[in-house]
Amino acid sequence: MMHVFGSWLICSSKEIASRIVFHNNPNLRCRCVNLEGDILDPSGLLTGGYVDHDNLILKRYETFTSI
């Protein structure tokens, strides 16, 4: 598993990911990503957020090909 995922864990929610990342146990120091795409890092970095669903490339391609 460490070979495939390295120091990353995939979590089902942001709350679970933040519990793992910011746990006081130094053996649990790993980066987590949740199913929405938010990335939590033990160094304090939190990335992710807004996605413009009206401007997705596959939706634009679909409207382009249906014309």
PDB file of N, CA and C in Angstrom:
ATOM      1  N   MET A   1       0.818  -1.193   0.000  1.00  0.00           N
ATOM      2  CA  MET A   1       0.000   0.000   0.000  1.00  0.00           C
ATOM      3  C   MET A   1       0.866   1.262   0.000  1.00  0.00           C
ATOM      4  N   MET A   2       1.953   1.228   0.758  1.00  0.00           N
ATOM      5  CA  MET A   2       2.828   2.404   0.788  1.00  0.00           C
ATOM      6  C   MET A   2       3.440   2.653  -0.589  1.00  0.00           C
ATOM      7  N   HIS A   3       3.687   1.606  -1.352  1.00  0.00           N
ATOM      8  CA  HIS A   3       4.242   1.772  -2.690  1.00  0.00           C
ATOM      9  C   HIS A   3       3.241   2.459  -3.618  1.00  0.00           C
ATOM     10  N   VAL A   4       1.971   2.131  -3.479  1.00  0.00           N
ATOM     11  CA  VAL A   4       0.949   2.695  -4.351  1.00  0.00           C
ATOM     12  C   VAL A   4       0.571   4.103  -3.929  1.00  0.00           C
ATOM     13  N   PHE A   5       0.286   4.304  -2.645  1.00  0.00           N
ATOM     14  CA  PHE A   5      -0.247   5.580  -2.178  1.00  0.00           C
ATOM     15  C   PHE A   5       0.797   6.487  -1.540  1.00  0.00           C
ATOM     16  N   GLY A   6       1.958   5.959  -1.179  1.00  0.00           N
ATOM     17  CA  GLY A   6       2.969   6.783  -0.525  1.00  0.00           C
ATOM     18  C   GLY A   6       2.484   7.246   0.829  1.00  0.00           C
ATOM     19  N   SER A   7       2.551   8.532   1.067  1.00  0.00           N
ATOM     20  CA  SER A   7       2.116   9.080   2.354  1.00  0.00           C
ATOM     21  C   SER A   7       0.747   9.741   2.238  1.00  0.00           C
ATOM     22  N   TRP A   8      -0.090   9.278   1.344  1.00  0.00           N
ATOM     23  CA  TRP A   8      -1.430   9.819   1.122  1.00  0.00           C
ATOM     24  C   TRP A   8      -2.492   8.852   1.617  1.00  0.00           C
ATOM     25  N   LEU A   9      -3.564   9.408   2.161  1.00  0.00           N
ATOM     26  CA  LEU A   9      -4.755   8.632   2.511  1.00  0.00           C
ATOM     27  C   LEU A   9      -5.951   9.257   1.810  1.00  0.00           C
ATOM     28  N   ILE A  10      -6.864   8.440   1.362  1.00  0.00           N
ATOM     29  CA  ILE A  10      -8.098   8.915   0.752  1.00  0.00           C
ATOM     30  C   ILE A  10      -9.204   8.741   1.779  1.00  0.00           C
ATOM     31  N   CYS A  11      -9.898   9.843   2.088  1.00  0.00           N
ATOM     32  CA  CYS A  11     -10.930   9.835   3.128  1.00  0.00           C
ATOM     33  C   CYS A  11     -12.283  10.180   2.505  1.00  0.00           C
ATOM     34  N   SER A  12     -13.337   9.733   3.158  1.00  0.00           N
ATOM     35  CA  SER A  12     -14.676   9.970   2.628  1.00  0.00           C
ATOM     36  C   SER A  12     -15.191  11.379   2.907  1.00  0.00           C
ATOM     37  N   SER A  13     -14.650  12.061   3.915  1.00  0.00           N
ATOM     38  CA  SER A  13     -15.131  13.407   4.210  1.00  0.00           C
ATOM     39  C   SER A  13     -13.978  14.283   4.700  1.00  0.00           C
ATOM     40  N   LYS A  14     -14.229  15.575   4.683  1.00  0.00           N
ATOM     41  CA  LYS A  14     -13.222  16.533   5.134  1.00  0.00           C
ATOM     42  C   LYS A  14     -12.993  16.428   6.636  1.00  0.00           C
ATOM     43  N   GLU A  15     -14.030  16.105   7.384  1.00  0.00           N
ATOM     44  CA  GLU A  15     -13.902  15.983   8.836  1.00  0.00           C
ATOM     45  C   GLU A  15     -12.981  14.820   9.210  1.00  0.00           C
ATOM     46  N   ILE A  16     -13.152  13.688   8.560  1.00  0.00           N
ATOM     47  CA  ILE A  16     -12.300  12.535   8.834  1.00  0.00           C
ATOM     48  C   ILE A  16     -10.857  12.834   8.433  1.00  0.00           C
ATOM     49  N   ALA A  17     -10.685  13.472   7.291  1.00  0.00           N
ATOM     50  CA  ALA A  17      -9.339  13.820   6.831  1.00  0.00           C
ATOM     51  C   ALA A  17      -8.647  14.769   7.802  1.00  0.00           C
ATOM     52  N   SER A  18      -9.362  15.758   8.324  1.00  0.00           N
ATOM     53  CA  SER A  18      -8.739  16.693   9.256  1.00  0.00           C
ATOM     54  C   SER A  18      -8.409  16.027  10.584  1.00  0.00           C
ATOM     55  N   ARG A  19      -9.220  15.055  11.015  1.00  0.00           N
ATOM     56  CA  ARG A  19      -8.895  14.316  12.238  1.00  0.00           C
ATOM     57  C   ARG A  19      -7.593  13.529  12.078  1.00  0.00           C
ATOM     58  N   ILE A  20      -7.410  12.921  10.923  1.00  0.00           N
ATOM     59  CA  ILE A  20      -6.200  12.137  10.684  1.00  0.00           C
ATOM     60  C   ILE A  20      -4.983  13.040  10.543  1.00  0.00           C
ATOM     61  N   VAL A  21      -5.108  14.088   9.756  1.00  0.00           N
ATOM     62  CA  VAL A  21      -3.968  14.957   9.473  1.00  0.00           C
ATOM     63  C   VAL A  21      -3.498  15.698  10.717  1.00  0.00           C
ATOM     64  N   PHE A  22      -4.415  16.207  11.506  1.00  0.00           N
ATOM     65  CA  PHE A  22      -4.040  17.037  12.648  1.00  0.00           C
ATOM     66  C   PHE A  22      -4.067  16.274  13.962  1.00  0.00           C
ATOM     67  N   HIS A  23      -3.933  14.954  13.908  1.00  0.00           N
ATOM     68  CA  HIS A  23      -3.849  14.119  15.101  1.00  0.00           C
ATOM     69  C   HIS A  23      -2.493  14.336  15.757  1.00  0.00           C
ATOM     70  N   ASN A  24      -2.419  14.225  17.074  1.00  0.00           N
ATOM     71  CA  ASN A  24      -1.181  14.494  17.808  1.00  0.00           C
ATOM     72  C   ASN A  24      -0.151  13.373  17.690  1.00  0.00           C
ATOM     73  N   ASN A  25      -0.526  12.219  17.176  1.00  0.00           N
ATOM     74  CA  ASN A  25       0.395  11.092  17.040  1.00  0.00           C
ATOM     75  C   ASN A  25       1.350  11.343  15.866  1.00  0.00           C
ATOM     76  N   PRO A  26       2.657  11.402  16.086  1.00  0.00           N
ATOM     77  CA  PRO A  26       3.588  11.669  14.984  1.00  0.00           C
ATOM     78  C   PRO A  26       3.651  10.540  13.959  1.00  0.00           C
ATOM     79  N   ASN A  27       3.183   9.331  14.307  1.00  0.00           N
ATOM     80  CA  ASN A  27       3.175   8.233  13.342  1.00  0.00           C
ATOM     81  C   ASN A  27       2.059   8.379  12.307  1.00  0.00           C
ATOM     82  N   LEU A  28       1.101   9.237  12.559  1.00  0.00           N
ATOM     83  CA  LEU A  28      -0.011   9.445  11.633  1.00  0.00           C
ATOM     84  C   LEU A  28       0.172  10.685  10.771  1.00  0.00           C
ATOM     85  N   ARG A  29       1.370  11.180  10.652  1.00  0.00           N
ATOM     86  CA  ARG A  29       1.615  12.392   9.870  1.00  0.00           C
ATOM     87  C   ARG A  29       1.607  12.046   8.383  1.00  0.00           C
ATOM     88  N   CYS A  30       0.454  12.192   7.743  1.00  0.00           N
ATOM     89  CA  CYS A  30       0.345  11.914   6.318  1.00  0.00           C
ATOM     90  C   CYS A  30      -0.622  12.919   5.702  1.00  0.00           C
ATOM     91  N   ARG A  31      -0.548  13.045   4.400  1.00  0.00           N
ATOM     92  CA  ARG A  31      -1.463  13.932   3.686  1.00  0.00           C
ATOM     93  C   ARG A  31      -2.722  13.164   3.331  1.00  0.00           C
ATOM     94  N   CYS A  32      -3.847  13.872   3.334  1.00  0.00           N
ATOM     95  CA  CYS A  32      -5.137  13.247   3.033  1.00  0.00           C
ATOM     96  C   CYS A  32      -5.836  14.018   1.933  1.00  0.00           C
ATOM     97  N   VAL A  33      -6.599  13.307   1.160  1.00  0.00           N
ATOM     98  CA  VAL A  33      -7.477  13.911   0.173  1.00  0.00           C
ATOM     99  C   VAL A  33      -8.859  13.300   0.368  1.00  0.00           C
ATOM    100  N   ASN A  34      -9.899  14.143   0.307  1.00  0.00           N
ATOM    101  CA  ASN A  34     -11.247  13.611   0.464  1.00  0.00           C
ATOM    102  C   ASN A  34     -11.888  13.438  -0.907  1.00  0.00           C
ATOM    103  N   LEU A  35     -13.077  12.886  -0.938  1.00  0.00           N
ATOM    104  CA  LEU A  35     -13.731  12.569  -2.199  1.00  0.00           C
ATOM    105  C   LEU A  35     -14.152  13.803  -2.981  1.00  0.00           C
ATOM    106  N   GLU A  36     -14.232  14.958  -2.321  1.00  0.00           N
ATOM    107  CA  GLU A  36     -14.529  16.204  -3.039  1.00  0.00           C
ATOM    108  C   GLU A  36     -13.283  16.822  -3.655  1.00  0.00           C
ATOM    109  N   GLY A  37     -12.098  16.289  -3.312  1.00  0.00           N
ATOM    110  CA  GLY A  37     -10.858  16.796  -3.893  1.00  0.00           C
ATOM    111  C   GLY A  37     -10.083  17.741  -3.007  1.00  0.00           C
ATOM    112  N   ASP A  38     -10.534  17.979  -1.780  1.00  0.00           N
ATOM    113  CA  ASP A  38      -9.792  18.835  -0.857  1.00  0.00           C
ATOM    114  C   ASP A  38      -8.573  18.080  -0.357  1.00  0.00           C
ATOM    115  N   ILE A  39      -7.430  18.750  -0.359  1.00  0.00           N
ATOM    116  CA  ILE A  39      -6.177  18.149   0.095  1.00  0.00           C
ATOM    117  C   ILE A  39      -5.788  18.792   1.413  1.00  0.00           C
ATOM    118  N   LEU A  40      -5.538  17.976   2.425  1.00  0.00           N
ATOM    119  CA  LEU A  40      -5.097  18.447   3.730  1.00  0.00           C
ATOM    120  C   LEU A  40      -3.698  17.931   3.980  1.00  0.00           C
ATOM    121  N   ASP A  41      -2.822  18.819   4.422  1.00  0.00           N
ATOM    122  CA  ASP A  41      -1.424  18.498   4.654  1.00  0.00           C
ATOM    123  C   ASP A  41      -1.096  18.810   6.109  1.00  0.00           C
ATOM    124  N   PRO A  42      -0.289  17.967   6.796  1.00  0.00           N
ATOM    125  CA  PRO A  42       0.041  18.231   8.200  1.00  0.00           C
ATOM    126  C   PRO A  42       0.806  19.533   8.414  1.00  0.00           C
ATOM    127  N   SER A  43       1.406  20.080   7.372  1.00  0.00           N
ATOM    128  CA  SER A  43       2.115  21.353   7.523  1.00  0.00           C
ATOM    129  C   SER A  43       1.153  22.522   7.637  1.00  0.00           C
ATOM    130  N   GLY A  44      -0.150  22.262   7.459  1.00  0.00           N
ATOM    131  CA  GLY A  44      -1.151  23.312   7.596  1.00  0.00           C
ATOM    132  C   GLY A  44      -1.746  23.750   6.280  1.00  0.00           C
ATOM    133  N   LEU A  45      -1.304  23.172   5.185  1.00  0.00           N
ATOM    134  CA  LEU A  45      -1.796  23.538   3.872  1.00  0.00           C
ATOM    135  C   LEU A  45      -3.135  22.871   3.599  1.00  0.00           C
ATOM    136  N   LEU A  46      -4.106  23.645   3.161  1.00  0.00           N
ATOM    137  CA  LEU A  46      -5.418  23.137   2.785  1.00  0.00           C
ATOM    138  C   LEU A  46      -5.725  23.665   1.400  1.00  0.00           C
ATOM    139  N   THR A  47      -5.905  22.774   0.439  1.00  0.00           N
ATOM    140  CA  THR A  47      -6.215  23.205  -0.919  1.00  0.00           C
ATOM    141  C   THR A  47      -7.518  22.568  -1.356  1.00  0.00           C
ATOM    142  N   GLY A  48      -8.076  23.101  -2.391  1.00  0.00           N
ATOM    143  CA  GLY A  48      -9.350  22.612  -2.906  1.00  0.00           C
ATOM    144  C   GLY A  48     -10.328  23.751  -2.917  1.00  0.00           C
ATOM    145  N   GLY A  49     -11.567  23.446  -3.130  1.00  0.00           N
ATOM    146  CA  GLY A  49     -12.560  24.493  -3.042  1.00  0.00           C
ATOM    147  C   GLY A  49     -13.491  24.536  -4.232  1.00  0.00           C
ATOM    148  N   TYR A  50     -13.756  25.737  -4.727  1.00  0.00           N
ATOM    149  CA  TYR A  50     -14.791  26.016  -5.706  1.00  0.00           C
ATOM    150  C   TYR A  50     -14.479  25.395  -7.063  1.00  0.00           C
ATOM    151  N   VAL A  51     -15.490  24.779  -7.657  1.00  0.00           N
ATOM    152  CA  VAL A  51     -15.409  24.261  -9.014  1.00  0.00           C
ATOM    153  C   VAL A  51     -16.561  24.879  -9.792  1.00  0.00           C
ATOM    154  N   ASP A  52     -16.246  25.535 -10.897  1.00  0.00           N
ATOM    155  CA  ASP A  52     -17.268  26.143 -11.738  1.00  0.00           C
ATOM    156  C   ASP A  52     -17.885  25.053 -12.610  1.00  0.00           C
ATOM    157  N   HIS A  53     -19.046  24.538 -12.200  1.00  0.00           N
ATOM    158  CA  HIS A  53     -19.677  23.424 -12.904  1.00  0.00           C
ATOM    159  C   HIS A  53     -20.226  23.846 -14.264  1.00  0.00           C
ATOM    160  N   ASP A  54     -20.408  25.143 -14.500  1.00  0.00           N
ATOM    161  CA  ASP A  54     -20.891  25.607 -15.801  1.00  0.00           C
ATOM    162  C   ASP A  54     -19.777  25.685 -16.830  1.00  0.00           C
ATOM    163  N   ASN A  55     -18.525  25.629 -16.381  1.00  0.00           N
ATOM    164  CA  ASN A  55     -17.402  25.818 -17.282  1.00  0.00           C
ATOM    165  C   ASN A  55     -16.504  24.577 -17.345  1.00  0.00           C
ATOM    166  N   LEU A  56     -17.061  23.398 -17.179  1.00  0.00           N
ATOM    167  CA  LEU A  56     -16.284  22.172 -17.277  1.00  0.00           C
ATOM    168  C   LEU A  56     -16.014  21.842 -18.735  1.00  0.00           C
ATOM    169  N   ILE A  57     -14.844  21.326 -19.027  1.00  0.00           N
ATOM    170  CA  ILE A  57     -14.438  21.069 -20.404  1.00  0.00           C
ATOM    171  C   ILE A  57     -15.330  20.032 -21.083  1.00  0.00           C
ATOM    172  N   LEU A  58     -15.773  19.002 -20.353  1.00  0.00           N
ATOM    173  CA  LEU A  58     -16.619  17.989 -20.973  1.00  0.00           C
ATOM    174  C   LEU A  58     -18.008  18.530 -21.295  1.00  0.00           C
ATOM    175  N   LYS A  59     -18.526  19.429 -20.482  1.00  0.00           N
ATOM    176  CA  LYS A  59     -19.828  20.048 -20.797  1.00  0.00           C
ATOM    177  C   LYS A  59     -19.710  20.945 -22.018  1.00  0.00           C
ATOM    178  N   ARG A  60     -18.601  21.696 -22.112  1.00  0.00           N
ATOM    179  CA  ARG A  60     -18.420  22.546 -23.291  1.00  0.00           C
ATOM    180  C   ARG A  60     -18.259  21.703 -24.548  1.00  0.00           C
ATOM    181  N   TYR A  61     -17.548  20.579 -24.439  1.00  0.00           N
ATOM    182  CA  TYR A  61     -17.378  19.680 -25.580  1.00  0.00           C
ATOM    183  C   TYR A  61     -18.711  19.089 -26.011  1.00  0.00           C
ATOM    184  N   GLU A  62     -19.548  18.725 -25.042  1.00  0.00           N
ATOM    185  CA  GLU A  62     -20.863  18.154 -25.351  1.00  0.00           C
ATOM    186  C   GLU A  62     -21.723  19.155 -26.096  1.00  0.00           C
ATOM    187  N   THR A  63     -21.735  20.404 -25.686  1.00  0.00           N
ATOM    188  CA  THR A  63     -22.544  21.410 -26.380  1.00  0.00           C
ATOM    189  C   THR A  63     -21.952  21.712 -27.756  1.00  0.00           C
ATOM    190  N   PHE A  64     -20.638  21.618 -27.892  1.00  0.00           N
ATOM    191  CA  PHE A  64     -19.996  21.866 -29.177  1.00  0.00           C
ATOM    192  C   PHE A  64     -20.330  20.763 -30.181  1.00  0.00           C
ATOM    193  N   THR A  65     -20.314  19.518 -29.728  1.00  0.00           N
ATOM    194  CA  THR A  65     -20.567  18.391 -30.642  1.00  0.00           C
ATOM    195  C   THR A  65     -22.040  18.193 -30.945  1.00  0.00           C
ATOM    196  N   SER A  66     -22.931  18.730 -30.120  1.00  0.00           N
ATOM    197  CA  SER A  66     -24.361  18.552 -30.373  1.00  0.00           C
ATOM    198  C   SER A  66     -24.922  19.582 -31.333  1.00  0.00           C
ATOM    199  N   ILE A  67     -24.110  20.520 -31.733  1.00  0.00           N
ATOM    200  CA  ILE A  67     -24.587  21.570 -32.674  1.00  0.00           C
ATOM    201  C   ILE A  67     -24.599  21.060 -34.097  1.00  0.00           C
TER     202      ILE A  67
END
